[in-house]
Amino acid sequence: MYGDIIIDITHEKLDRVFEYEIPEHLKEECEVGVEVMVPFGVANRQTRGYLVKIKDTPDYDVDKIKPILEVSHNREAIEGRMVALAAWLKEHYGGTMIQALKTVLPIKKRENVKLKRDICLLLNEEEAESKLESFSSKNQKARARLLNALIQSPVLDYTFATRDLKIAKTVMDYFIEEKLIEITTQQVHRNPIRSREKGSKEIVFTKEQQIAFDTFREEVEKGKNHTYVLHGVTGSGKTEIYIEMIKLAIKKGEQAIVMIPEIALTYQTVMRFYNSFGDRISIMNSRLSKGEKYDQMMRAKNGQVDVMIGPRSALFTPFPKLGLIIVDEEHEGTYKSDQVPRYHVRETAIQRAKMEDASVVLGSATPSLEAMYCIHSGKYKLLSLTRRLSHQTLSKVDTVDMRLELKAGNRSIFSRKLRQLMEEKLRNNQQVMLFLNRRGYAGFISCRTCGYVAQCRNCDVSLSVHHHKILRCHYCGYEETRKPKCPACDSKHIGEFRAGTQQIEELVKSEFKDAKVLRMDMDTTKSKDGHEKILSAFGRGEANVLIGTQMIVKGHDFPNVTLVGVLAADMSLHSGDYHGGERTFQLITQAVGRAGRGDIKGEAVIQTYSPTHYAIKAAANQDYQEFYAKEISYRKLLGYPPVENLLAVLLSSEDEEQLERGSNYLKGFATMSSEGLDVKIIGPANPAIGKIDNVYRKVFYIKAKEYKTLVILKNKMEAYIEINSGFQKIRTMFDFNPVKF
């Protein structure tokens, strides 16, 4: 037997593996992820490595392959556990082992080590006072200033002394020569959380919160670790339960990871946790510098941090004794990686927890269908919160049919109802949030008179607009020509919705003269602290209208917001894939939940051309069970996840003809390989964007009831691609149960 080994992960570039023989006496001890000692280099220096693959046949000349020397029994080594997780990622999501390792071990080397220098006084109090008197009598002001500061604080920051006390190097050299002081140097790790006054207040649970927490605590104290879904309506106090769960883990000497879907949520989330855990928390996200990322990983590994908060990359924090992973807003599509391996945070968190004997809590006001389906099948445990804190009632919701607005002569993007409520709220010094539901969706055609939407006749998803004339399905490739009039009512008012956050901002400023407006979108949050600055300003009341895309409706808590307007609710409803209804329900419910979190009852206005659609109606009623019952019945009927599993095989190449041949060959091979298996293959077709930067793209889909069936087919296709020279210029990516295209 032979093994591929990564040599010394923390220092070497992760660009190749080295092959070693597994001796007979070590075969039973060798498994993926174990730490081993091997002879490395010409001098055969004993070096630590990690076993990433076990195989029966070697890739090199047997006479040149060295044997593994020993297997370490250090089961506490976090690197080994992360290597094992990388192997799981590769198997379940495709790609290479190197790509998987780069995902779980994103920090490969030190970056800009930061050092702290301190000045330490070597004199006792009596000697120091005598010396100070001597300096003062001789009018040696700089020497006296430094010594006086050291008497007040015997250990003084070097930078403070030189910058604030204006102490020159000659003065410092004199003190060292006279053995009055010594300079000490130590490495410090950057903390991206600016130190703030810690003001923890005691958490008093409602009856529902107490029941949910007690259920979790009793299981944990029995040593049982499960996956829980904390399903709580917006404003029901999920964060308070998270905090107590983390305290329980810390009490046991364990650490916790808190996942948030995107950077926009970092500011408010961190502040809530900082009040309870102070400097024992840290953050990890893409806006940090390489040095800051490295430091946070080292702080976690060295036990200086108990809680790590952040989007996807935070999941791979190298905690030595991980006890809890919380995935907040678990329904969010951003938890699915768009890089190979295309892993999902939810499934990967559950696998890591399984490997490390930890618990997972999935929290949401609108759980994904996958999570709720697993509750009904007994895989996950449900913790419910049905009421808001302080007995606040859910917002009053009005659904406005924009077709009727058009008939009444209102061609504005603001309905009469929304305009009236905005005027009222602004007059009363209350705040308004306007949510434009449009980011990331291809255009679709709808009729403003009757609400008709152009649908695929094969796949029950909306057709997307291409080059203004062609309507195309991104699943099966069906196409039709765009018609100048509505096929349902013959109206000329049929077309694409065209509005952006900047246009909305200009309209608000022109129509509401007293409005102070902030806009939060990709353009206004490009800077490192862009999200925090905008949210802080809105929280301080510097603006009374906040306009934005999805990032403004996720988890934010502003007590003075009493009105939320949902503009263009239909954009996600007709997004061109099977998640359209689910995304629409989740986004609108989350948006509506931002209003009425203070003492004043909240109101919301949903503007739509499809007021009778079940997702819109359920969101207006804020009734998750009503939505789930309808949506899961459609998924069962059409064989979509989570009822069945779906594998998207995405191919891309600069050569369009070669891509066409390659995608058909690979589909043919998959069809042949699936004989006797219960699968259905659809496509190939063009994805949402058929060409990017002169690279052509194709996709086909494989449906199967069992996930492992798709993994088997993925493995066979990977082997077929590897031995087929025609695929050398074609990039292939596997996406299991895709949530976006």
Foldseek 3Di string as FASTA:
>chain_A
DKFWKDFPQQADDLPGTAMADEDPVCVVVDDFLWKFWWQDDPVRPTTIITTQDDDDDDPDDPVPHHHTDGTDPPPLPLSSLQSVLLSVLCLQQNDDSSVSSCLLCVQRYADPWDKWKKKAFPDDLVVLVVVLVVCVVVVVVLLNLVSVVCSVPRIGTPCCSCPVSVRDPVSVVVCVVVVRIDMDMDTDADFPDPADDAAADDDDDDPLLVVLLVVVVVCVVVLHAAEEEEAEAQQAPPLVSVLVVLVSQVVVVAAEEEADLAPLPVVVSVNVNCNPVPQQEGEDDPLDDSNNNVRQLVCQCVVVHRYYYYHQSSLSRSHSQHAEYEYEQLQDQSQFDPDPSRDGSVVSSVVSCVSRSHYYYYYDNFDHLQVVVCCVVPRYHYRYRYAHPPRFDFFQEAEDAQLVQVVVVNPDLDGPVRVVVVVVLVVVLFAEEEAEAAPPFAWWKAASNQGDTDADPPAGAGFGDDPNFWTAAQAFTDIDTDDCADPVPRHNRMDTDDDDQVNVVVVCCVPPVPFFEDEDECVQQVHSCRSVVRLVCVLVSVGRYYYYYQSVLPPDERQRHAEYEYGELCNLLRRNDLCSLSVSLRSLSSRSSRHNSHPDHHYYYYYYNCCPDQSNVCSSVSPNVSSSVVSVVVCVVNVAPPQKKKKKKKKKFLDPVLRVVVVVVLVVVLVVVCVVAPKDKHDFHAHPDQDDPSMGMTIIMMIHRDSVSVSVSSVVSVVVLVPDPSCPRMDITMDMSRPHD
